Amino acid sequence: MLRVLPLLLIVLASCKGQENKAPDVDHVPVKATPTTEENSKVAGTPSDERLDLHGAALPEGATGRLGSLRMLDRSIRNLVFTADGTRVITTHTEGYQIWNLNDGSRGKVLELKTPGDLMTLSPNGKLMATSVDQSDQLLIWDLSTGKATTQMTAKGKTIGLCFLDDRRLVSASDDGSVTTWKFKVSGKPSPTTFQGEWRDPTAFGCSRQAKKVAIGTLEGGAYVMDGDTEGATKLGTATKQINAVAIAGNGTSFAFASADAQIYLWPSAAAAEPLKIEAHDGSAINLAFSPDSSKLYSTGGDWWFRIWNPQDGELVDELPGVAGLEAQLMRLSPDGNLIASWSQHAGERGSEAGRWWLWNANTGSPLLEPPRHRLALTSVRYAPDGSTIATSSEDQTLRVWDSKSSKSLKVLERGEGSIGDIRYSKDGKTLFSAGKDAVVRKWNWKNNDVSIPVDAVG
């Protein structure tokens, strides 16, 4: 059984002298994809390097790719939406990767040898602040040029960043200090630092509208403070570490996600006791308020996106992710209509390890799904006339591709176990497959998607 990479098939240059027969699997004749203006902006890609349909670089000697690297990056440790909601920026091994949400393709990379995990964008979308890995340094990026323009030194390792407005950045450090950086017309920002009473901060968030900051600690402490860093209020304590915090835009509600699987929700800073929400299995990991503060989104140690009423802590709705796929990261778009998430490992249905997802926040439907198999390939076959290529996979699907353009033409769902092998009929109109269910099926793929069992002979 053929077993190759689960996500893509690299298509090599065609061999001469094979005009009258289907070429070998290792020599698929496809045309190189022209380099577009947008694709040429991808940092680290030489101008003469070939790119696939979605702007990703091809290995040396390859002229096309069946499938897409879209939305796949195992180095992601954080992600943010741009202010206009048209792009997502993620951490990257070589800096910060920009992704276009119109088609999921890769855009520019903001290059940095030691990118930190933290990112935040100014409300006007012109600036981005980031941390530097294993350092007390902060960088301010001009997103119009893709260049870091300002470097600042924080007190200790930074654990949180947030722009309160276009001229004020707040950072929290592992020594318990919180610093407000005020930007000037020229020169470096001026810092004002407040030393908190807490130890070992683990989570940080802010509300731009209310100009408030929230901090969670390793011991479960929950704190809020004004953005001018003049003092802090302890709301209470969770039983375990705080993983994430969120403040409603109007500043009336404060949410803390804990490793004890609960969300601790204070309707106001004056509330004596929090609402305790049994949110997820294992741990509550991510939180985000909707723009109008009417909903609180969460993810945790299961694959559900859950939506809560901040007033009473009641469950409003839950949106299924992918079975078995825990969302380590979740972000809500500025208009509240999209959810971006990232998962490090594969789920029960074979979803790719180390990819980010885009979801409709109202229906839970996945968006921009890339055309590729989700598990290992088991077979690759040419049509007799060489016009199409069929692939099968352990993900229980067959795919048919245009051999010249590399575009996906058809996805056929078998749904009864892994597919072991496939063959074309002589006229290329029918595909035959055999799988773990010991049944041979034929697919009239040009006319419909129905699989018809083939009767055994003898």
Protein backbone atom coordinates (compact mmCIF):
# COMPACT_ATOMS: atom_id res chain seq x y z
CA MET A 1 0.00 0.00 0.00
CA LEU A 2 1.29 3.41 -0.93
CA ARG A 3 1.68 5.70 2.08
CA VAL A 4 2.80 9.28 1.57
CA LEU A 5 2.36 12.61 3.29
CA PRO A 6 -1.19 13.05 4.61
CA LEU A 7 -1.73 16.65 3.55
CA LEU A 8 -0.44 17.08 0.05
CA LEU A 9 1.00 15.49 -3.04
CA ILE A 10 4.01 17.13 -4.65
CA VAL A 11 3.78 16.86 -8.41
CA LEU A 12 7.04 16.58 -10.30
CA ALA A 13 7.89 17.65 -13.84
CA SER A 14 6.67 15.41 -16.64
CA CYS A 15 8.96 13.04 -18.48
CA LYS A 16 9.40 13.14 -22.22
CA GLY A 17 8.29 10.30 -24.44
CA GLN A 18 5.15 9.40 -22.50
CA GLU A 19 2.56 11.02 -24.72
CA ASN A 20 0.84 7.71 -25.51
CA LYS A 21 0.44 6.32 -21.98
CA ALA A 22 -0.37 7.47 -18.50
CA PRO A 23 2.87 8.61 -16.87
CA ASP A 24 4.31 7.16 -13.69
CA VAL A 25 3.00 8.50 -10.41
CA ASP A 26 6.31 10.24 -9.76
CA HIS A 27 6.09 12.29 -12.97
CA VAL A 28 2.86 14.25 -13.14
CA PRO A 29 2.71 16.77 -16.03
CA VAL A 30 1.41 20.06 -14.66
CA LYS A 31 2.11 23.63 -15.62
CA ALA A 32 3.91 25.92 -13.21
CA THR A 33 1.69 28.45 -11.51
CA PRO A 34 2.68 32.02 -12.45
CA THR A 35 3.96 34.14 -9.60
CA THR A 36 1.36 36.81 -8.85
CA GLU A 37 2.12 40.21 -7.39
CA GLU A 38 0.73 39.14 -4.01
CA ASN A 39 2.64 35.87 -4.03
CA SER A 40 5.89 37.66 -4.81
CA LYS A 41 5.57 39.52 -1.50
CA VAL A 42 6.00 36.37 0.58
CA ALA A 43 9.20 36.91 2.54
CA GLY A 44 11.93 34.34 2.11
CA THR A 45 10.68 33.23 -1.34
CA PRO A 46 13.19 33.90 -4.15
CA SER A 47 11.71 35.62 -7.19
CA ASP A 48 12.52 32.60 -9.40
CA GLU A 49 11.03 30.02 -7.02
CA ARG A 50 7.88 28.25 -8.14
CA LEU A 51 4.70 28.69 -6.11
CA ASP A 52 1.55 26.59 -5.93
CA LEU A 53 -2.00 27.80 -6.53
CA HIS A 54 -2.17 29.35 -3.07
CA GLY A 55 1.20 31.11 -3.00
CA ALA A 56 3.18 28.47 -1.06
CA ALA A 57 6.68 27.65 -2.29
CA LEU A 58 7.21 24.32 -4.05
CA PRO A 59 10.19 22.04 -3.36
CA GLU A 60 13.00 22.12 -5.88
CA GLY A 61 12.04 20.32 -9.09
CA ALA A 62 8.29 20.34 -8.40
CA THR A 63 5.95 22.16 -10.77
CA GLY A 64 2.66 21.82 -8.91
CA ARG A 65 0.94 20.60 -5.76
CA LEU A 66 -2.23 18.55 -5.48
CA GLY A 67 -3.72 20.01 -2.34
CA SER A 68 -2.92 23.10 -0.36
CA LEU A 69 -0.73 24.18 2.57
CA ARG A 70 -3.38 26.80 3.28
CA MET A 71 -4.02 27.38 7.00
CA LEU A 72 -1.31 24.89 7.97
CA ASP A 73 1.53 26.03 10.24
CA ARG A 74 2.79 23.96 13.17
CA SER A 75 4.82 26.87 14.58
CA ILE A 76 1.75 28.95 15.54
CA ARG A 77 1.68 30.01 19.19
CA ASN A 78 -0.67 32.97 18.87
CA LEU A 79 -3.02 34.59 16.36
CA VAL A 80 -4.87 37.90 16.02
CA PHE A 81 -7.35 39.44 13.61
CA THR A 82 -6.40 42.69 11.90
CA ALA A 83 -8.52 45.72 12.80
CA ASP A 84 -10.57 45.50 9.58
CA GLY A 85 -11.16 41.76 10.01
CA THR A 86 -9.81 40.87 6.54
CA ARG A 87 -6.61 39.16 7.67
CA VAL A 88 -5.20 37.03 10.46
CA ILE A 89 -1.64 37.34 11.76
CA THR A 90 0.03 34.34 13.38
CA THR A 91 3.37 33.66 15.00
CA HIS A 92 5.82 32.04 12.62
CA THR A 93 9.27 30.48 12.92
CA GLU A 94 10.72 33.42 10.96
CA GLY A 95 8.54 36.19 12.38
CA TYR A 96 4.82 36.84 11.93
CA GLN A 97 2.77 35.38 9.08
CA ILE A 98 -0.10 37.34 7.53
CA TRP A 99 -2.99 35.29 6.08
CA ASN A 100 -5.63 36.64 3.71
CA LEU A 101 -9.19 35.74 4.71
CA ASN A 102 -10.64 36.09 1.23
CA ASP A 103 -9.01 32.80 0.22
CA GLY A 104 -6.87 31.62 3.15
CA SER A 105 -3.61 32.25 1.30
CA ARG A 106 -0.34 33.35 2.85
CA GLY A 107 0.65 36.99 2.54
CA LYS A 108 3.73 38.73 3.88
CA VAL A 109 5.96 37.49 6.68
CA LEU A 110 7.13 40.17 9.11
CA GLU A 111 10.62 38.82 9.58
CA LEU A 112 12.19 38.37 13.02
CA LYS A 113 14.73 35.74 14.08
CA THR A 114 13.36 35.42 17.62
CA PRO A 115 9.62 36.15 17.48
CA GLY A 116 7.77 36.16 20.80
CA ASP A 117 4.34 34.66 21.43
CA LEU A 118 2.58 37.94 22.22
CA MET A 119 0.89 40.17 19.63
CA THR A 120 -1.59 43.05 19.82
CA LEU A 121 -2.79 45.54 17.20
CA SER A 122 -3.67 49.19 17.66
CA PRO A 123 -7.37 50.05 17.16
CA ASN A 124 -6.63 51.89 13.90
CA GLY A 125 -4.77 48.83 12.59
CA LYS A 126 -1.57 50.71 11.80
CA LEU A 127 0.69 49.35 14.56
CA MET A 128 1.43 45.95 16.05
CA ALA A 129 3.27 45.36 19.32
CA THR A 130 5.06 42.05 19.90
CA SER A 131 7.30 40.43 22.45
CA VAL A 132 10.74 38.99 21.68
CA ASP A 133 11.35 35.36 22.60
CA GLN A 134 13.31 34.79 25.83
CA SER A 135 13.80 38.53 26.25
CA ASP A 136 12.48 41.62 28.06
CA GLN A 137 12.31 43.48 24.75
CA LEU A 138 9.14 44.73 23.01
CA LEU A 139 8.85 45.75 19.37
CA ILE A 140 6.45 48.13 17.63
CA TRP A 141 5.77 47.30 13.96
CA ASP A 142 4.49 49.58 11.21
CA LEU A 143 2.07 47.27 9.38
CA SER A 144 2.11 49.43 6.26
CA THR A 145 5.80 48.70 5.75
CA GLY A 146 6.12 45.43 7.65
CA LYS A 147 9.09 46.80 9.60
CA ALA A 148 9.81 47.05 13.32
CA THR A 149 10.24 50.76 14.07
CA THR A 150 10.59 50.97 17.86
CA GLN A 151 12.21 48.80 20.53
CA MET A 152 11.41 49.06 24.24
CA THR A 153 12.68 47.31 27.35
CA ALA A 154 10.10 45.95 29.79
CA LYS A 155 10.63 44.89 33.40
CA GLY A 156 11.21 41.16 33.08
CA LYS A 157 9.64 38.73 30.62
CA THR A 158 6.36 40.05 29.18
CA ILE A 159 3.28 37.84 29.70
CA GLY A 160 0.63 40.17 28.22
CA LEU A 161 0.21 43.04 25.75
CA CYS A 162 -2.75 45.25 24.86
CA PHE A 163 -3.31 48.56 23.08
CA LEU A 164 -5.81 50.64 25.07
CA ASP A 165 -5.94 53.14 22.21
CA ASP A 166 -3.74 54.22 19.32
CA ARG A 167 -1.35 56.03 21.68
CA ARG A 168 -1.26 53.77 24.75
CA LEU A 169 0.11 50.25 25.10
CA VAL A 170 -0.12 48.23 28.32
CA SER A 171 2.30 45.38 29.09
CA ALA A 172 2.39 42.95 32.00
CA SER A 173 5.60 41.24 33.14
CA ASP A 174 6.34 38.06 35.05
CA ASP A 175 7.64 40.08 38.02
CA GLY A 176 4.10 41.38 38.67
CA SER A 177 4.62 44.81 37.14
CA VAL A 178 2.21 46.47 34.70
CA THR A 179 3.49 49.26 32.46
CA THR A 180 1.59 51.80 30.39
CA TRP A 181 3.56 53.08 27.40
CA LYS A 182 2.46 56.47 26.05
CA PHE A 183 3.47 57.14 22.47
CA LYS A 184 4.84 60.52 21.47
CA VAL A 185 4.97 62.24 18.12
CA SER A 186 8.68 61.44 18.04
CA GLY A 187 11.02 59.40 20.19
CA LYS A 188 10.41 56.30 22.27
CA PRO A 189 7.20 55.85 24.28
CA SER A 190 7.35 56.99 27.91
CA PRO A 191 6.57 54.23 30.51
CA THR A 192 4.60 54.42 33.76
CA THR A 193 4.92 51.27 35.88
CA PHE A 194 2.72 49.87 38.64
CA GLN A 195 3.97 47.02 40.81
CA GLY A 196 1.17 44.58 41.57
CA GLU A 197 0.75 42.58 44.75
CA TRP A 198 0.32 39.34 42.82
CA ARG A 199 2.95 36.74 42.02
CA ASP A 200 3.38 34.54 38.96
CA PRO A 201 0.89 36.18 36.55
CA THR A 202 -0.33 33.75 33.89
CA ALA A 203 -3.05 35.60 31.96
CA PHE A 204 -3.71 39.17 30.84
CA GLY A 205 -6.43 41.04 28.98
CA CYS A 206 -7.95 44.48 28.55
CA SER A 207 -11.02 46.41 27.44
CA ARG A 208 -10.26 49.35 25.16
CA GLN A 209 -13.70 50.84 25.56
CA ALA A 210 -13.64 50.70 29.37
CA LYS A 211 -9.86 51.28 29.62
CA LYS A 212 -9.52 48.43 32.12
CA VAL A 213 -7.00 45.62 32.55
CA ALA A 214 -7.44 42.14 34.05
CA ILE A 215 -4.75 39.77 35.34
CA GLY A 216 -4.88 36.13 36.43
CA THR A 217 -2.21 34.25 38.37
CA LEU A 218 -0.76 30.79 38.85
CA GLU A 219 -2.49 30.51 42.22
CA GLY A 220 -5.87 31.42 40.70
CA GLY A 221 -5.91 35.09 41.69
CA ALA A 222 -8.23 37.38 39.69
CA TYR A 223 -7.40 41.11 39.55
CA VAL A 224 -8.67 44.17 37.67
CA MET A 225 -7.22 47.65 37.35
CA ASP A 226 -7.66 50.86 35.41
CA GLY A 227 -5.54 51.32 32.34
CA ASP A 228 -3.75 54.28 33.92
CA THR A 229 -2.12 51.75 36.32
CA GLU A 230 -2.99 53.69 39.47
CA GLY A 231 -4.14 50.67 41.47
CA ALA A 232 -5.64 47.18 41.36
CA THR A 233 -8.60 45.37 42.90
CA LYS A 234 -8.60 41.68 43.76
CA LEU A 235 -11.91 40.14 42.76
CA GLY A 236 -11.32 36.70 44.21
CA THR A 237 -9.53 33.41 43.70
CA ALA A 238 -10.09 30.33 41.55
CA THR A 239 -9.07 26.90 42.79
CA LYS A 240 -6.42 26.50 40.07
CA GLN A 241 -4.33 28.55 37.64
CA ILE A 242 -5.99 31.21 35.47
CA ASN A 243 -5.45 30.42 31.78
CA ALA A 244 -7.25 33.35 30.16
CA VAL A 245 -9.09 36.56 31.04
CA ALA A 246 -11.61 38.73 29.21
CA ILE A 247 -13.33 42.03 29.97
CA ALA A 248 -16.66 43.04 28.44
CA GLY A 249 -16.32 46.04 26.15
CA ASN A 250 -18.46 48.15 28.45
CA GLY A 251 -16.33 47.16 31.44
CA THR A 252 -19.23 45.69 33.41
CA SER A 253 -18.21 42.01 33.37
CA PHE A 254 -14.92 40.25 34.09
CA ALA A 255 -14.32 36.61 33.10
CA PHE A 256 -11.46 34.32 34.16
CA ALA A 257 -10.90 30.85 32.65
CA SER A 258 -9.33 28.40 35.08
CA ALA A 259 -7.49 25.09 34.87
CA ASP A 260 -10.22 23.73 37.15
CA ALA A 261 -12.53 23.67 34.06
CA GLN A 262 -14.60 26.59 35.34
CA ILE A 263 -15.17 30.17 34.24
CA TYR A 264 -15.30 32.67 37.09
CA LEU A 265 -17.54 35.54 36.01
CA TRP A 266 -17.90 38.76 38.01
CA PRO A 267 -20.82 40.90 36.74
CA SER A 268 -18.97 43.94 38.14
CA ALA A 269 -15.81 44.79 40.07
CA ALA A 270 -18.00 45.35 43.13
CA ALA A 271 -19.58 41.87 43.04
CA ALA A 272 -18.83 39.94 46.22
CA GLU A 273 -18.94 36.50 44.59
CA PRO A 274 -18.47 35.32 41.01
CA LEU A 275 -20.79 33.21 38.93
CA LYS A 276 -19.08 29.84 38.55
CA ILE A 277 -19.67 28.20 35.20
CA GLU A 278 -18.85 24.52 34.66
CA ALA A 279 -17.53 25.28 31.22
CA HIS A 280 -15.46 22.48 29.71
CA ASP A 281 -13.85 19.10 30.24
CA GLY A 282 -10.40 19.22 31.80
CA SER A 283 -9.66 22.94 31.63
CA ALA A 284 -11.07 26.25 30.43
CA ILE A 285 -8.51 27.69 28.01
CA ASN A 286 -9.77 30.68 25.97
CA LEU A 287 -12.28 33.50 26.49
CA ALA A 288 -13.67 36.31 24.32
CA PHE A 289 -16.60 38.71 24.72
CA SER A 290 -18.68 39.61 21.68
CA PRO A 291 -18.32 43.25 20.55
CA ASP A 292 -21.66 44.21 22.14
CA SER A 293 -20.75 42.40 25.41
CA SER A 294 -23.91 40.26 25.21
CA LYS A 295 -22.09 36.94 24.75
CA LEU A 296 -19.03 35.24 26.22
CA TYR A 297 -17.26 32.65 24.06
CA SER A 298 -15.04 29.93 25.52
CA THR A 299 -13.01 26.86 24.58
CA GLY A 300 -11.45 24.23 26.80
CA GLY A 301 -10.37 20.62 27.14
CA ASP A 302 -12.97 19.44 24.63
CA TRP A 303 -13.84 20.39 21.04
CA TRP A 304 -16.79 22.73 21.73
CA PHE A 305 -17.06 26.47 21.28
CA ARG A 306 -19.50 27.45 24.02
CA ILE A 307 -21.42 30.72 24.26
CA TRP A 308 -22.60 32.06 27.63
CA ASN A 309 -24.87 34.84 28.89
CA PRO A 310 -22.60 37.15 30.95
CA GLN A 311 -25.55 38.30 33.06
CA ASP A 312 -26.49 34.94 34.54
CA GLY A 313 -23.82 32.51 33.32
CA GLU A 314 -26.35 30.38 31.43
CA LEU A 315 -25.36 28.48 28.31
CA VAL A 316 -26.76 30.24 25.22
CA ASP A 317 -25.40 27.97 22.50
CA GLU A 318 -22.59 25.58 21.71
CA LEU A 319 -20.90 25.16 18.36
CA PRO A 320 -19.17 21.87 17.54
CA GLY A 321 -15.59 22.04 16.41
CA VAL A 322 -13.93 18.88 15.11
CA ALA A 323 -14.38 15.71 17.18
CA GLY A 324 -11.35 15.16 19.37
CA LEU A 325 -9.74 18.45 18.40
CA GLU A 326 -9.00 20.76 21.31
CA ALA A 327 -8.65 24.44 20.37
CA GLN A 328 -5.53 25.74 22.10
CA LEU A 329 -6.12 29.22 20.65
CA MET A 330 -9.39 31.07 19.93
CA ARG A 331 -9.93 34.65 18.77
CA LEU A 332 -13.11 36.52 17.82
CA SER A 333 -13.11 38.89 14.84
CA PRO A 334 -13.71 42.63 15.49
CA ASP A 335 -17.30 42.39 14.19
CA GLY A 336 -17.98 39.18 16.14
CA ASN A 337 -18.93 37.16 13.07
CA LEU A 338 -15.82 34.97 12.77
CA ILE A 339 -13.86 32.71 15.10
CA ALA A 340 -10.23 31.84 14.41
CA SER A 341 -8.79 28.87 16.26
CA TRP A 342 -5.63 26.78 16.20
CA SER A 343 -5.10 23.19 17.24
CA GLN A 344 -1.79 21.48 17.80
CA HIS A 345 -2.83 17.86 17.34
CA ALA A 346 -5.07 15.77 15.11
CA GLY A 347 -8.66 15.04 16.03
CA GLU A 348 -10.63 11.81 15.85
CA ARG A 349 -11.71 12.52 12.28
CA GLY A 350 -8.17 13.05 11.08
CA SER A 351 -8.03 16.83 11.02
CA GLU A 352 -4.54 18.09 10.38
CA ALA A 353 -2.11 18.67 13.21
CA GLY A 354 -0.90 22.23 13.59
CA ARG A 355 -3.42 24.14 11.49
CA TRP A 356 -5.67 27.10 12.15
CA TRP A 357 -9.38 27.16 11.43
CA LEU A 358 -11.88 29.86 10.52
CA TRP A 359 -15.49 29.44 11.68
CA ASN A 360 -18.78 31.23 11.28
CA ALA A 361 -19.36 32.45 14.85
CA ASN A 362 -23.16 32.28 14.41
CA THR A 363 -23.52 28.81 12.88
CA GLY A 364 -20.24 27.08 13.70
CA SER A 365 -19.65 26.21 10.04
CA PRO A 366 -15.97 25.92 9.03
CA LEU A 367 -14.84 28.41 6.38
CA LEU A 368 -12.01 28.43 3.82
CA GLU A 369 -11.49 24.69 4.13
CA PRO A 370 -8.34 23.82 2.15
CA PRO A 371 -8.56 21.20 -0.62
CA ARG A 372 -6.43 18.34 0.70
CA HIS A 373 -6.62 14.92 2.31
CA ARG A 374 -6.55 14.92 6.10
CA LEU A 375 -4.74 11.62 6.58
CA ALA A 376 -2.08 9.62 4.74
CA LEU A 377 -2.51 8.93 1.03
CA THR A 378 -2.95 5.29 0.07
CA SER A 379 -3.06 5.44 -3.72
CA VAL A 380 -2.43 7.82 -6.65
CA ARG A 381 -3.66 7.05 -10.18
CA TYR A 382 -3.71 8.79 -13.56
CA ALA A 383 -6.74 8.75 -15.84
CA PRO A 384 -5.97 6.92 -19.12
CA ASP A 385 -5.87 10.22 -21.04
CA GLY A 386 -3.74 11.90 -18.36
CA SER A 387 -6.23 14.74 -17.86
CA THR A 388 -7.02 13.95 -14.21
CA ILE A 389 -5.39 12.33 -11.21
CA ALA A 390 -7.25 10.38 -8.54
CA THR A 391 -5.98 10.03 -4.98
CA SER A 392 -7.29 8.03 -2.04
CA SER A 393 -6.59 8.33 1.64
CA GLU A 394 -7.03 6.87 5.10
CA ASP A 395 -9.47 9.75 5.67
CA GLN A 396 -12.09 7.67 3.76
CA THR A 397 -12.23 9.99 0.75
CA LEU A 398 -11.25 9.93 -2.91
CA ARG A 399 -10.26 13.13 -4.67
CA VAL A 400 -10.01 13.90 -8.35
CA TRP A 401 -7.63 16.63 -9.51
CA ASP A 402 -6.98 18.43 -12.80
CA SER A 403 -3.49 17.33 -13.79
CA LYS A 404 -2.64 20.57 -15.61
CA SER A 405 -3.88 23.17 -13.15
CA SER A 406 -3.68 21.06 -9.93
CA LYS A 407 -7.20 22.21 -9.03
CA SER A 408 -9.50 19.97 -7.02
CA LEU A 409 -12.40 18.75 -9.16
CA LYS A 410 -14.30 16.31 -6.96
CA VAL A 411 -14.35 14.92 -3.42
CA LEU A 412 -15.95 11.49 -3.02
CA GLU A 413 -16.88 10.36 0.50
CA ARG A 414 -16.63 6.61 1.11
CA GLY A 415 -17.31 6.75 4.86
CA GLU A 416 -16.85 3.01 5.48
CA GLY A 417 -13.21 2.69 6.42
CA SER A 418 -9.86 3.57 4.93
CA ILE A 419 -9.49 3.25 1.14
CA GLY A 420 -6.64 0.96 0.16
CA ASP A 421 -6.40 1.30 -3.63
CA ILE A 422 -8.13 2.91 -6.63
CA ARG A 423 -8.23 2.36 -10.41
CA TYR A 424 -9.74 4.20 -13.38
CA SER A 425 -11.91 2.49 -15.96
CA LYS A 426 -10.58 2.49 -19.54
CA ASP A 427 -12.71 5.49 -20.51
CA GLY A 428 -11.75 7.40 -17.34
CA LYS A 429 -15.38 8.03 -16.37
CA THR A 430 -15.48 5.52 -13.53
CA LEU A 431 -13.29 4.95 -10.51
CA PHE A 432 -12.99 1.67 -8.62
CA SER A 433 -11.94 1.56 -4.99
CA ALA A 434 -11.17 -1.14 -2.44
CA GLY A 435 -10.93 -0.60 1.29
CA LYS A 436 -10.85 -2.10 4.75
CA ASP A 437 -14.53 -3.06 4.52
CA ALA A 438 -13.53 -5.68 1.89
CA VAL A 439 -15.94 -4.16 -0.65
CA VAL A 440 -15.00 -3.01 -4.16
CA ARG A 441 -16.98 0.06 -5.20
CA LYS A 442 -17.32 1.97 -8.44
CA TRP A 443 -17.84 5.70 -8.65
CA ASN A 444 -19.37 7.46 -11.64
CA TRP A 445 -17.48 10.55 -10.58
CA LYS A 446 -18.24 12.68 -13.65
CA ASN A 447 -22.01 12.30 -13.24
CA ASN A 448 -22.61 11.82 -9.54
CA ASP A 449 -21.01 10.88 -6.23
CA VAL A 450 -22.83 7.60 -5.66
CA SER A 451 -20.69 4.55 -4.85
CA ILE A 452 -22.07 1.26 -6.19
CA PRO A 453 -20.83 -2.02 -4.68
CA VAL A 454 -19.38 -4.36 -7.29
CA ASP A 455 -20.58 -7.96 -7.09
CA ALA A 456 -17.91 -10.58 -6.53
CA VAL A 457 -17.27 -13.12 -9.28
CA GLY A 458 -16.61 -16.75 -8.38
